[in-house]
N, C-alpha and C. Protein backbone atom coordinates (compact mmCIF):
# COMPACT_ATOMS: atom_id res chain seq x y z
N MET A 1 156.68 99.46 60.70
CA MET A 1 155.21 99.39 60.67
C MET A 1 154.69 99.43 62.10
N LYS A 2 153.66 100.28 62.27
CA LYS A 2 153.07 100.37 63.61
C LYS A 2 152.14 99.20 63.86
N VAL A 3 152.20 98.71 65.02
CA VAL A 3 151.31 97.61 65.42
C VAL A 3 150.32 98.15 66.43
N PHE A 4 149.05 98.06 66.09
CA PHE A 4 148.02 98.53 67.02
C PHE A 4 147.68 97.44 68.01
N ASN A 5 147.56 97.85 69.24
CA ASN A 5 147.26 96.88 70.28
C ASN A 5 145.75 96.76 70.42
N PHE A 6 145.18 95.81 69.66
CA PHE A 6 143.74 95.61 69.75
C PHE A 6 143.33 94.96 71.05
N PHE A 7 144.29 94.46 71.74
CA PHE A 7 143.98 93.73 72.97
C PHE A 7 144.27 94.56 74.21
N LYS A 8 144.38 95.88 73.97
CA LYS A 8 144.62 96.77 75.10
C LYS A 8 143.45 96.70 76.07
N LYS A 9 143.76 96.59 77.32
CA LYS A 9 142.71 96.45 78.34
C LYS A 9 141.84 97.69 78.40
N LYS A 10 140.59 97.48 78.25
CA LYS A 10 139.65 98.59 78.32
C LYS A 10 139.38 98.97 79.77
N ASP A 11 139.08 100.27 79.94
CA ASP A 11 138.74 100.72 81.29
C ASP A 11 137.46 100.06 81.75
N SER A 12 137.45 99.58 82.96
CA SER A 12 136.25 98.94 83.52
C SER A 12 135.20 100.00 83.81
N PRO A 13 133.95 99.75 83.44
CA PRO A 13 132.90 100.73 83.73
C PRO A 13 132.74 100.93 85.23
N VAL A 14 132.50 102.17 85.60
CA VAL A 14 132.31 102.49 87.01
C VAL A 14 130.88 102.17 87.41
N ALA A 15 130.74 101.38 88.40
CA ALA A 15 129.40 100.99 88.85
C ALA A 15 128.67 102.20 89.41
N GLU A 16 127.42 102.36 88.97
CA GLU A 16 126.62 103.48 89.47
C GLU A 16 126.23 103.24 90.92
N LYS A 17 126.34 104.30 91.69
CA LYS A 17 125.95 104.20 93.08
C LYS A 17 124.45 104.42 93.20
N LYS A 18 123.82 103.53 93.87
CA LYS A 18 122.38 103.66 94.08
C LYS A 18 122.12 104.49 95.33
N VAL A 19 121.31 105.51 95.14
CA VAL A 19 120.97 106.37 96.27
C VAL A 19 119.62 105.93 96.82
N THR A 20 119.61 105.54 98.03
CA THR A 20 118.37 105.10 98.67
C THR A 20 117.67 106.28 99.32
N VAL A 21 116.48 106.54 98.85
CA VAL A 21 115.70 107.64 99.42
C VAL A 21 114.82 107.08 100.54
N PRO A 22 115.01 107.56 101.73
CA PRO A 22 114.20 107.02 102.84
C PRO A 22 112.72 107.35 102.66
N ASP A 23 111.89 106.43 103.08
CA ASP A 23 110.45 106.67 103.01
C ASP A 23 110.06 107.79 103.96
N VAL A 24 109.35 108.76 103.42
CA VAL A 24 108.87 109.87 104.24
C VAL A 24 107.43 109.57 104.63
N PRO A 25 107.15 109.44 105.90
CA PRO A 25 105.78 109.12 106.29
C PRO A 25 104.81 110.23 105.91
N THR A 26 103.61 109.83 105.53
CA THR A 26 102.57 110.80 105.20
C THR A 26 102.12 111.51 106.46
N HIS A 27 101.99 112.82 106.37
CA HIS A 27 101.55 113.59 107.53
C HIS A 27 100.16 113.12 107.96
N PRO A 28 99.93 112.96 109.25
CA PRO A 28 98.62 112.49 109.73
C PRO A 28 97.45 113.34 109.23
N PHE A 29 97.67 114.64 109.07
CA PHE A 29 96.57 115.49 108.61
C PHE A 29 96.19 115.16 107.17
N LEU A 30 97.18 114.86 106.33
CA LEU A 30 96.88 114.50 104.95
C LEU A 30 96.13 113.18 104.89
N GLU A 31 96.49 112.26 105.77
CA GLU A 31 95.75 111.00 105.85
C GLU A 31 94.30 111.25 106.28
N ARG A 32 94.14 112.17 107.22
CA ARG A 32 92.79 112.51 107.68
C ARG A 32 91.98 113.15 106.56
N CYS A 33 92.60 114.00 105.77
CA CYS A 33 91.91 114.63 104.65
C CYS A 33 91.43 113.58 103.66
N GLU A 34 92.27 112.59 103.41
CA GLU A 34 91.90 111.52 102.49
C GLU A 34 90.72 110.72 103.05
N TYR A 35 90.74 110.49 104.35
CA TYR A 35 89.63 109.78 105.00
C TYR A 35 88.33 110.58 104.86
N LEU A 36 88.38 111.88 105.13
CA LEU A 36 87.18 112.71 105.03
C LEU A 36 86.63 112.73 103.61
N LYS A 37 87.53 112.68 102.64
CA LYS A 37 87.09 112.65 101.24
C LYS A 37 86.42 111.32 100.90
N ASN A 38 87.05 110.23 101.29
CA ASN A 38 86.52 108.91 100.95
C ASN A 38 85.25 108.57 101.72
N GLU A 39 85.20 108.97 102.99
CA GLU A 39 84.07 108.61 103.84
C GLU A 39 82.89 109.56 103.68
N PHE A 40 83.15 110.86 103.57
CA PHE A 40 82.08 111.85 103.57
C PHE A 40 81.99 112.68 102.29
N GLY A 41 82.96 112.56 101.42
CA GLY A 41 82.95 113.37 100.21
C GLY A 41 83.42 114.79 100.43
N LEU A 42 84.05 115.05 101.57
CA LEU A 42 84.56 116.39 101.87
C LEU A 42 85.93 116.59 101.24
N ILE A 43 86.08 117.66 100.48
CA ILE A 43 87.35 117.96 99.85
C ILE A 43 88.01 119.10 100.62
N ILE A 44 89.09 118.79 101.30
CA ILE A 44 89.80 119.79 102.10
C ILE A 44 90.76 120.54 101.18
N PRO A 45 90.65 121.87 101.09
CA PRO A 45 91.48 122.63 100.15
C PRO A 45 92.94 122.72 100.59
N GLU A 46 93.79 123.05 99.63
CA GLU A 46 95.23 123.11 99.87
C GLU A 46 95.61 124.11 100.95
N VAL A 47 94.83 125.18 101.09
CA VAL A 47 95.19 126.21 102.06
C VAL A 47 95.29 125.63 103.47
N TYR A 48 94.41 124.67 103.80
CA TYR A 48 94.48 124.02 105.12
C TYR A 48 95.56 122.95 105.15
N LYS A 49 95.69 122.19 104.06
CA LYS A 49 96.71 121.15 104.02
C LYS A 49 98.10 121.75 104.20
N THR A 50 98.35 122.84 103.50
CA THR A 50 99.65 123.49 103.59
C THR A 50 99.91 124.02 105.00
N PHE A 51 98.93 124.69 105.56
CA PHE A 51 99.14 125.29 106.88
C PHE A 51 99.35 124.25 107.97
N PHE A 52 98.47 123.25 108.02
CA PHE A 52 98.54 122.29 109.13
C PHE A 52 99.69 121.29 108.99
N THR A 53 100.28 121.17 107.81
CA THR A 53 101.46 120.31 107.68
C THR A 53 102.75 121.08 107.92
N ARG A 54 102.69 122.39 107.83
CA ARG A 54 103.88 123.22 108.07
C ARG A 54 103.99 123.69 109.52
N HIS A 55 102.88 123.80 110.17
CA HIS A 55 102.87 124.31 111.54
C HIS A 55 102.42 123.21 112.50
N LYS A 56 103.08 123.14 113.61
CA LYS A 56 102.71 122.15 114.62
C LYS A 56 101.56 122.73 115.44
N VAL A 57 100.38 122.19 115.21
CA VAL A 57 99.18 122.67 115.89
C VAL A 57 98.60 121.52 116.71
N ALA A 58 98.29 121.78 117.94
CA ALA A 58 97.74 120.74 118.82
C ALA A 58 96.39 120.27 118.29
N GLU A 59 96.14 118.97 118.38
CA GLU A 59 94.87 118.44 117.89
C GLU A 59 93.69 118.97 118.68
N THR A 60 93.96 119.53 119.85
CA THR A 60 92.88 120.11 120.66
C THR A 60 92.57 121.55 120.26
N ASN A 61 93.36 122.11 119.34
CA ASN A 61 93.12 123.48 118.89
C ASN A 61 91.71 123.60 118.32
N TYR A 62 91.07 124.71 118.63
CA TYR A 62 89.68 124.96 118.22
C TYR A 62 89.47 124.75 116.72
N PHE A 63 90.41 125.22 115.90
CA PHE A 63 90.24 125.15 114.45
C PHE A 63 90.77 123.85 113.85
N TYR A 64 91.65 123.17 114.56
CA TYR A 64 92.24 121.93 114.05
C TYR A 64 91.42 120.71 114.47
N SER A 65 90.88 120.77 115.67
CA SER A 65 90.15 119.61 116.20
C SER A 65 88.92 119.28 115.38
N ILE A 66 88.38 120.29 114.68
CA ILE A 66 87.16 120.06 113.89
C ILE A 66 87.38 118.99 112.82
N PHE A 67 88.62 118.87 112.34
CA PHE A 67 88.92 117.88 111.32
C PHE A 67 89.00 116.46 111.89
N TRP A 68 89.15 116.36 113.20
CA TRP A 68 89.39 115.06 113.83
C TRP A 68 88.18 114.52 114.58
N GLU A 69 87.17 115.33 114.75
CA GLU A 69 85.98 114.88 115.47
C GLU A 69 85.23 113.83 114.66
N GLU A 70 84.76 112.81 115.35
CA GLU A 70 83.96 111.78 114.68
C GLU A 70 82.53 112.29 114.53
N ARG A 71 82.06 112.33 113.31
CA ARG A 71 80.73 112.86 113.04
C ARG A 71 79.96 111.93 112.11
N ARG A 72 78.68 112.23 111.97
CA ARG A 72 77.83 111.46 111.07
C ARG A 72 77.72 112.20 109.74
N HIS A 73 77.21 111.51 108.73
CA HIS A 73 77.08 112.12 107.41
C HIS A 73 76.19 113.36 107.45
N ASP A 74 75.11 113.32 108.21
CA ASP A 74 74.20 114.46 108.21
C ASP A 74 74.76 115.66 108.98
N ASP A 75 75.88 115.48 109.67
CA ASP A 75 76.51 116.62 110.34
C ASP A 75 77.17 117.56 109.34
N TYR A 76 77.34 117.10 108.11
CA TYR A 76 78.03 117.90 107.10
C TYR A 76 77.10 118.44 106.02
N GLU A 77 75.80 118.34 106.21
CA GLU A 77 74.87 118.70 105.14
C GLU A 77 74.69 120.20 104.97
N LEU A 78 74.97 121.00 106.00
CA LEU A 78 74.74 122.44 105.93
C LEU A 78 75.73 123.11 104.98
N ILE A 79 75.19 123.94 104.08
CA ILE A 79 76.03 124.77 103.21
C ILE A 79 75.42 126.17 103.15
N PHE A 80 76.21 127.10 102.66
CA PHE A 80 75.72 128.44 102.37
C PHE A 80 75.90 128.69 100.88
N TYR A 81 75.06 129.53 100.30
CA TYR A 81 75.17 129.86 98.88
C TYR A 81 76.03 131.10 98.68
N THR A 82 76.69 131.17 97.53
CA THR A 82 77.29 132.44 97.12
C THR A 82 76.21 133.27 96.43
N GLU A 83 76.40 134.57 96.41
CA GLU A 83 75.42 135.45 95.77
C GLU A 83 75.27 135.12 94.28
N ASP A 84 76.38 134.83 93.61
CA ASP A 84 76.32 134.52 92.18
C ASP A 84 75.42 133.32 91.91
N PHE A 85 75.52 132.31 92.76
CA PHE A 85 74.71 131.11 92.55
C PHE A 85 73.23 131.41 92.77
N VAL A 86 72.90 132.15 93.80
CA VAL A 86 71.49 132.48 94.06
C VAL A 86 70.92 133.29 92.90
N ARG A 87 71.67 134.24 92.41
CA ARG A 87 71.19 135.04 91.27
C ARG A 87 70.95 134.16 90.04
N TYR A 88 71.82 133.21 89.82
CA TYR A 88 71.65 132.30 88.70
C TYR A 88 70.37 131.48 88.86
N VAL A 89 70.14 130.96 90.05
CA VAL A 89 68.94 130.15 90.31
C VAL A 89 67.68 130.98 90.09
N ILE A 90 67.68 132.21 90.57
CA ILE A 90 66.51 133.08 90.40
C ILE A 90 66.24 133.34 88.92
N ASN A 91 67.27 133.67 88.18
CA ASN A 91 67.10 133.96 86.75
C ASN A 91 66.63 132.73 85.98
N ARG A 92 67.15 131.56 86.31
CA ARG A 92 66.71 130.34 85.63
C ARG A 92 65.28 129.99 86.00
N PHE A 93 64.89 130.28 87.22
CA PHE A 93 63.51 130.04 87.65
C PHE A 93 62.56 130.92 86.84
N ASP A 94 62.94 132.17 86.66
CA ASP A 94 62.14 133.11 85.87
C ASP A 94 62.06 132.65 84.42
N GLU A 95 63.20 132.26 83.84
CA GLU A 95 63.23 131.81 82.45
C GLU A 95 62.40 130.55 82.24
N THR A 96 62.41 129.68 83.22
CA THR A 96 61.73 128.39 83.10
C THR A 96 60.22 128.51 83.26
N PHE A 97 59.78 129.30 84.25
CA PHE A 97 58.35 129.32 84.59
C PHE A 97 57.64 130.61 84.20
N GLY A 98 58.39 131.65 83.89
CA GLY A 98 57.77 132.89 83.42
C GLY A 98 56.71 133.44 84.36
N ASP A 99 55.54 133.75 83.79
CA ASP A 99 54.45 134.34 84.58
C ASP A 99 53.90 133.38 85.62
N GLU A 100 54.17 132.08 85.47
CA GLU A 100 53.66 131.09 86.42
C GLU A 100 54.66 130.80 87.55
N ALA A 101 55.76 131.54 87.57
CA ALA A 101 56.78 131.31 88.59
C ALA A 101 56.24 131.59 89.99
N ASP A 102 56.41 130.62 90.87
CA ASP A 102 55.97 130.73 92.27
C ASP A 102 57.21 131.01 93.12
N TYR A 103 57.42 132.28 93.44
CA TYR A 103 58.64 132.66 94.15
C TYR A 103 58.62 132.25 95.63
N GLU A 104 57.44 132.01 96.16
CA GLU A 104 57.38 131.46 97.51
C GLU A 104 57.92 130.03 97.52
N LEU A 105 57.61 129.30 96.44
CA LEU A 105 58.15 127.95 96.31
C LEU A 105 59.66 127.99 96.14
N LEU A 106 60.15 128.93 95.33
CA LEU A 106 61.59 129.05 95.15
C LEU A 106 62.28 129.36 96.48
N GLN A 107 61.67 130.24 97.27
CA GLN A 107 62.23 130.55 98.58
C GLN A 107 62.33 129.29 99.44
N GLU A 108 61.30 128.48 99.40
CA GLU A 108 61.28 127.24 100.17
C GLU A 108 62.35 126.27 99.67
N ILE A 109 62.51 126.20 98.35
CA ILE A 109 63.53 125.32 97.77
C ILE A 109 64.92 125.73 98.24
N LEU A 110 65.20 127.02 98.18
CA LEU A 110 66.52 127.50 98.60
C LEU A 110 66.77 127.25 100.08
N GLU A 111 65.77 127.49 100.90
CA GLU A 111 65.94 127.28 102.34
C GLU A 111 66.19 125.82 102.66
N ASN A 112 65.47 124.93 102.01
CA ASN A 112 65.68 123.50 102.26
C ASN A 112 67.01 123.02 101.70
N GLY A 113 67.40 123.58 100.56
CA GLY A 113 68.66 123.18 99.95
C GLY A 113 69.87 123.45 100.81
N GLU A 114 69.78 124.46 101.67
CA GLU A 114 70.90 124.79 102.56
C GLU A 114 71.25 123.65 103.50
N CYS A 115 70.30 122.79 103.76
CA CYS A 115 70.52 121.69 104.72
C CYS A 115 70.44 120.32 104.05
N GLU A 116 70.44 120.29 102.71
CA GLU A 116 70.26 119.02 102.02
C GLU A 116 71.27 118.83 100.90
N PHE A 117 72.53 119.12 101.20
CA PHE A 117 73.58 118.91 100.20
C PHE A 117 74.29 117.60 100.51
N VAL A 118 74.31 116.69 99.53
CA VAL A 118 74.91 115.37 99.71
C VAL A 118 76.34 115.42 99.16
N HIS A 119 77.30 115.49 100.05
CA HIS A 119 78.69 115.69 99.63
C HIS A 119 79.22 114.55 98.79
N ARG A 120 78.92 113.33 99.16
CA ARG A 120 79.50 112.18 98.45
C ARG A 120 79.02 112.11 97.01
N GLU A 121 77.85 112.68 96.74
CA GLU A 121 77.32 112.69 95.38
C GLU A 121 77.42 114.07 94.75
N ASN A 122 77.86 115.06 95.52
CA ASN A 122 77.99 116.43 95.03
C ASN A 122 76.68 116.90 94.39
N LYS A 123 75.60 116.78 95.17
CA LYS A 123 74.29 117.14 94.63
C LYS A 123 73.35 117.56 95.76
N PHE A 124 72.26 118.21 95.36
CA PHE A 124 71.18 118.54 96.29
C PHE A 124 70.11 117.47 96.17
N SER A 125 69.72 116.92 97.31
CA SER A 125 68.70 115.88 97.30
C SER A 125 68.06 115.79 98.67
N ALA A 126 66.73 115.61 98.68
CA ALA A 126 66.00 115.49 99.95
C ALA A 126 64.84 114.53 99.76
N ASP A 127 64.49 113.84 100.82
CA ASP A 127 63.36 112.91 100.78
C ASP A 127 62.03 113.64 100.91
N HIS A 128 62.02 114.75 101.64
CA HIS A 128 60.77 115.42 101.96
C HIS A 128 60.39 116.52 100.97
N MET A 129 61.29 116.86 100.04
CA MET A 129 61.00 117.94 99.11
C MET A 129 61.76 117.73 97.81
N ASP A 130 61.14 118.15 96.71
CA ASP A 130 61.77 118.03 95.40
C ASP A 130 62.77 119.17 95.20
N LEU A 131 64.04 118.83 95.18
CA LEU A 131 65.09 119.83 94.97
C LEU A 131 65.72 119.69 93.58
N SER A 132 65.01 119.04 92.67
CA SER A 132 65.58 118.77 91.35
C SER A 132 65.89 120.05 90.57
N PHE A 133 65.06 121.10 90.74
CA PHE A 133 65.35 122.34 90.03
C PHE A 133 66.65 122.95 90.53
N LEU A 134 66.82 122.99 91.83
CA LEU A 134 68.05 123.53 92.41
C LEU A 134 69.26 122.72 91.96
N ASP A 135 69.12 121.40 91.96
CA ASP A 135 70.23 120.55 91.55
C ASP A 135 70.52 120.70 90.06
N ALA A 136 69.46 120.93 89.26
CA ALA A 136 69.66 121.15 87.82
C ALA A 136 70.47 122.42 87.57
N CYS A 137 70.20 123.46 88.35
CA CYS A 137 70.98 124.70 88.24
C CYS A 137 72.43 124.45 88.61
N TYR A 138 72.63 123.67 89.64
CA TYR A 138 73.99 123.32 90.06
C TYR A 138 74.70 122.52 88.97
N GLU A 139 73.97 121.64 88.32
CA GLU A 139 74.51 120.85 87.21
C GLU A 139 74.88 121.75 86.04
N GLU A 140 74.02 122.71 85.72
CA GLU A 140 74.29 123.61 84.59
C GLU A 140 75.57 124.42 84.80
N ARG A 141 75.91 124.66 86.02
CA ARG A 141 77.13 125.43 86.33
C ARG A 141 78.33 124.53 86.61
N GLY A 142 78.18 123.25 86.21
CA GLY A 142 79.31 122.33 86.27
C GLY A 142 79.54 121.68 87.62
N ARG A 143 78.51 121.71 88.48
CA ARG A 143 78.65 121.15 89.84
C ARG A 143 79.94 121.67 90.49
N ASN A 144 80.12 122.95 90.37
CA ASN A 144 81.32 123.62 90.88
C ASN A 144 81.10 124.01 92.33
N GLN A 145 81.83 123.38 93.23
CA GLN A 145 81.64 123.65 94.66
C GLN A 145 82.05 125.07 95.05
N GLU A 146 82.76 125.76 94.17
CA GLU A 146 83.09 127.16 94.45
C GLU A 146 81.85 128.05 94.38
N ASP A 147 80.74 127.53 93.84
CA ASP A 147 79.47 128.26 93.85
C ASP A 147 78.83 128.25 95.23
N LEU A 148 79.35 127.40 96.10
CA LEU A 148 78.78 127.23 97.43
C LEU A 148 79.82 127.57 98.48
N MET A 149 79.36 127.79 99.69
CA MET A 149 80.25 127.85 100.84
C MET A 149 80.03 126.57 101.63
N ILE A 150 80.89 125.60 101.38
CA ILE A 150 80.85 124.36 102.14
C ILE A 150 81.64 124.59 103.42
N VAL A 151 81.07 124.20 104.53
CA VAL A 151 81.63 124.58 105.82
C VAL A 151 81.74 123.40 106.77
N LEU A 152 82.58 123.57 107.78
CA LEU A 152 82.61 122.69 108.94
C LEU A 152 82.15 123.52 110.13
N GLU A 153 81.21 122.98 110.88
CA GLU A 153 80.66 123.73 112.02
C GLU A 153 81.63 123.69 113.19
N LEU A 154 82.10 124.87 113.60
CA LEU A 154 82.99 124.97 114.75
C LEU A 154 82.21 125.00 116.05
N SER A 155 81.13 125.76 116.06
CA SER A 155 80.27 125.84 117.25
C SER A 155 78.94 126.42 116.83
N SER A 156 77.91 126.10 117.58
CA SER A 156 76.59 126.66 117.27
C SER A 156 75.69 126.54 118.48
N ASP A 157 74.71 127.43 118.53
CA ASP A 157 73.65 127.36 119.53
C ASP A 157 72.42 127.99 118.91
N CYS A 158 71.40 128.21 119.69
CA CYS A 158 70.15 128.74 119.15
C CYS A 158 70.31 130.15 118.59
N GLY A 159 71.40 130.82 118.97
CA GLY A 159 71.60 132.19 118.50
C GLY A 159 72.39 132.30 117.22
N GLY A 160 73.11 131.25 116.86
CA GLY A 160 73.92 131.30 115.65
C GLY A 160 75.06 130.32 115.72
N GLY A 161 76.10 130.57 114.93
CA GLY A 161 77.22 129.65 114.92
C GLY A 161 78.44 130.23 114.25
N GLU A 162 79.53 129.46 114.34
CA GLU A 162 80.77 129.83 113.67
C GLU A 162 81.23 128.65 112.83
N TYR A 163 81.76 128.94 111.64
CA TYR A 163 82.06 127.89 110.68
C TYR A 163 83.43 128.09 110.05
N LEU A 164 84.06 126.98 109.70
CA LEU A 164 85.31 126.99 108.97
C LEU A 164 84.97 126.73 107.51
N ILE A 165 85.42 127.57 106.60
CA ILE A 165 84.96 127.57 105.21
C ILE A 165 85.93 126.78 104.33
N LEU A 166 85.39 125.86 103.52
CA LEU A 166 86.18 124.99 102.67
C LEU A 166 86.18 125.41 101.21
N THR A 167 85.17 126.15 100.77
CA THR A 167 85.06 126.51 99.35
C THR A 167 84.72 127.98 99.19
N SER A 168 84.68 128.42 97.93
CA SER A 168 84.40 129.81 97.53
C SER A 168 85.65 130.65 97.73
N ASP A 169 85.54 131.95 97.46
CA ASP A 169 86.71 132.82 97.63
C ASP A 169 87.02 133.07 99.10
N LYS A 170 86.23 132.49 100.00
CA LYS A 170 86.45 132.64 101.44
C LYS A 170 87.06 131.39 102.07
N LYS A 171 87.48 130.42 101.26
CA LYS A 171 88.13 129.25 101.86
C LYS A 171 89.42 129.70 102.53
N GLY A 172 89.69 129.10 103.68
CA GLY A 172 90.81 129.54 104.50
C GLY A 172 90.39 130.49 105.60
N TYR A 173 89.12 130.89 105.57
CA TYR A 173 88.57 131.81 106.56
C TYR A 173 87.57 131.09 107.46
N SER A 174 87.33 131.68 108.60
CA SER A 174 86.17 131.31 109.42
C SER A 174 85.14 132.40 109.25
N GLY A 175 83.89 132.04 109.45
CA GLY A 175 82.82 133.02 109.33
C GLY A 175 81.75 132.72 110.36
N GLY A 176 81.04 133.74 110.76
CA GLY A 176 79.99 133.57 111.76
C GLY A 176 78.65 134.05 111.26
N CYS A 177 77.63 133.60 111.91
CA CYS A 177 76.28 134.07 111.60
C CYS A 177 75.45 134.00 112.87
N TYR A 178 74.40 134.77 112.90
CA TYR A 178 73.46 134.68 114.00
C TYR A 178 72.09 134.36 113.43
N HIS A 179 71.20 133.94 114.26
CA HIS A 179 69.88 133.51 113.81
C HIS A 179 69.19 134.63 113.06
N GLY A 180 68.75 134.32 111.84
CA GLY A 180 68.04 135.30 111.04
C GLY A 180 68.93 136.20 110.21
N MET A 181 70.25 135.98 110.23
CA MET A 181 71.16 136.81 109.43
C MET A 181 71.12 136.34 107.98
N ASP A 182 70.68 137.21 107.10
CA ASP A 182 70.59 136.83 105.70
C ASP A 182 70.79 138.04 104.80
N ASP A 183 70.85 137.77 103.52
CA ASP A 183 70.90 138.81 102.50
C ASP A 183 69.70 138.61 101.59
N LYS A 184 69.43 139.58 100.74
CA LYS A 184 68.25 139.47 99.89
C LYS A 184 68.57 139.93 98.48
N ILE A 185 67.83 139.40 97.53
CA ILE A 185 67.93 139.78 96.13
C ILE A 185 66.54 140.13 95.64
N GLU A 186 66.39 141.30 95.07
CA GLU A 186 65.12 141.74 94.51
C GLU A 186 65.06 141.33 93.04
N HIS A 187 63.93 140.75 92.65
CA HIS A 187 63.77 140.32 91.26
C HIS A 187 62.32 140.50 90.83
N GLN A 188 62.11 141.46 89.96
CA GLN A 188 60.78 141.72 89.40
C GLN A 188 59.69 141.80 90.47
N GLY A 189 59.98 142.56 91.49
CA GLY A 189 59.00 142.78 92.54
C GLY A 189 58.96 141.70 93.60
N HIS A 190 59.80 140.71 93.48
CA HIS A 190 59.86 139.63 94.46
C HIS A 190 61.18 139.72 95.22
N THR A 191 61.15 139.34 96.48
CA THR A 191 62.35 139.36 97.32
C THR A 191 62.71 137.94 97.74
N ILE A 192 63.92 137.54 97.41
CA ILE A 192 64.41 136.22 97.78
C ILE A 192 65.51 136.38 98.82
N TYR A 193 65.38 135.66 99.91
CA TYR A 193 66.35 135.73 101.00
C TYR A 193 67.23 134.47 101.00
N TYR A 194 68.46 134.64 101.41
CA TYR A 194 69.34 133.49 101.59
C TYR A 194 70.29 133.77 102.74
N ARG A 195 70.60 132.72 103.48
CA ARG A 195 71.42 132.84 104.68
C ARG A 195 72.88 133.13 104.30
N ILE A 196 73.53 133.96 105.08
CA ILE A 196 74.91 134.33 104.78
C ILE A 196 75.80 134.19 106.02
N LEU A 197 77.09 134.19 105.76
CA LEU A 197 78.09 134.29 106.81
C LEU A 197 78.68 135.70 106.80
N ASN A 198 79.28 136.07 107.90
CA ASN A 198 79.92 137.37 108.01
C ASN A 198 81.06 137.26 109.02
N HIS A 199 81.67 138.36 109.35
CA HIS A 199 82.76 138.39 110.33
C HIS A 199 83.89 137.43 109.93
N TYR A 200 84.31 137.53 108.67
CA TYR A 200 85.34 136.63 108.15
C TYR A 200 86.71 136.96 108.74
N ARG A 201 87.44 135.90 109.14
CA ARG A 201 88.80 136.06 109.62
C ARG A 201 89.65 134.87 109.17
N LEU A 202 90.89 135.15 108.77
CA LEU A 202 91.78 134.09 108.33
C LEU A 202 92.06 133.11 109.46
N VAL A 203 91.85 131.84 109.19
CA VAL A 203 92.08 130.82 110.21
C VAL A 203 93.55 130.79 110.62
N SER A 204 94.46 130.90 109.66
CA SER A 204 95.89 130.86 109.98
C SER A 204 96.27 131.99 110.92
N ASP A 205 95.73 133.18 110.68
CA ASP A 205 96.03 134.32 111.56
C ASP A 205 95.49 134.08 112.97
N ARG A 206 94.31 133.51 113.03
CA ARG A 206 93.69 133.29 114.33
C ARG A 206 94.47 132.25 115.14
N ILE A 207 95.03 131.27 114.46
CA ILE A 207 95.82 130.26 115.17
C ILE A 207 97.18 130.82 115.60
N LEU A 208 97.88 131.44 114.66
CA LEU A 208 99.23 131.93 114.96
C LEU A 208 99.23 133.09 115.95
N ASN A 209 98.20 133.92 115.85
CA ASN A 209 98.11 135.07 116.75
C ASN A 209 97.22 134.82 117.96
N LYS A 210 96.66 133.59 118.01
CA LYS A 210 95.81 133.17 119.12
C LYS A 210 94.68 134.17 119.37
N ILE A 211 93.91 134.42 118.27
CA ILE A 211 92.78 135.33 118.40
C ILE A 211 91.50 134.61 118.05
């Protein structure tokens, strides 16, 4: 008769080795982006986060230093409109007011709105003028910042300026404008003007190629 050894020593389990993953410090630029978001409501797109964390760029660089300069909230109020957004605002103005539409008033609203965007609230608001119609249009389109060109001012003088673009299909680019540079939309015999940027160039190319 076979005797089974029920008391045969079992193999001891092998202790799992714990792998310690060293803490990877957060890149200073990512910390700065988080600060700009929390303090000013500025959302820095991935195109800049990726570039500035992969490439060693001096903080004094023309395009990089703009993220590190200490500024006030009203330094970030300037925005530019996309053509699609302006067309939407014009059409809604026509639909809302019909024959009583005052296009001179609409022109004034658009011009003031360019300098009265509140980033932390993602809205248009001003103390000196009612921008509720403009903000309502922005609300109807989902408060989508891609409808706007949100920018950081690189340099400016009485003749114009250069800007680093954070939103729209031109994010990742710089753009320039000079005083009085605008585009226009014709609507039922009325002409509406809005300020534009031009001379677009990829920021990454300008840094790497030093142009």
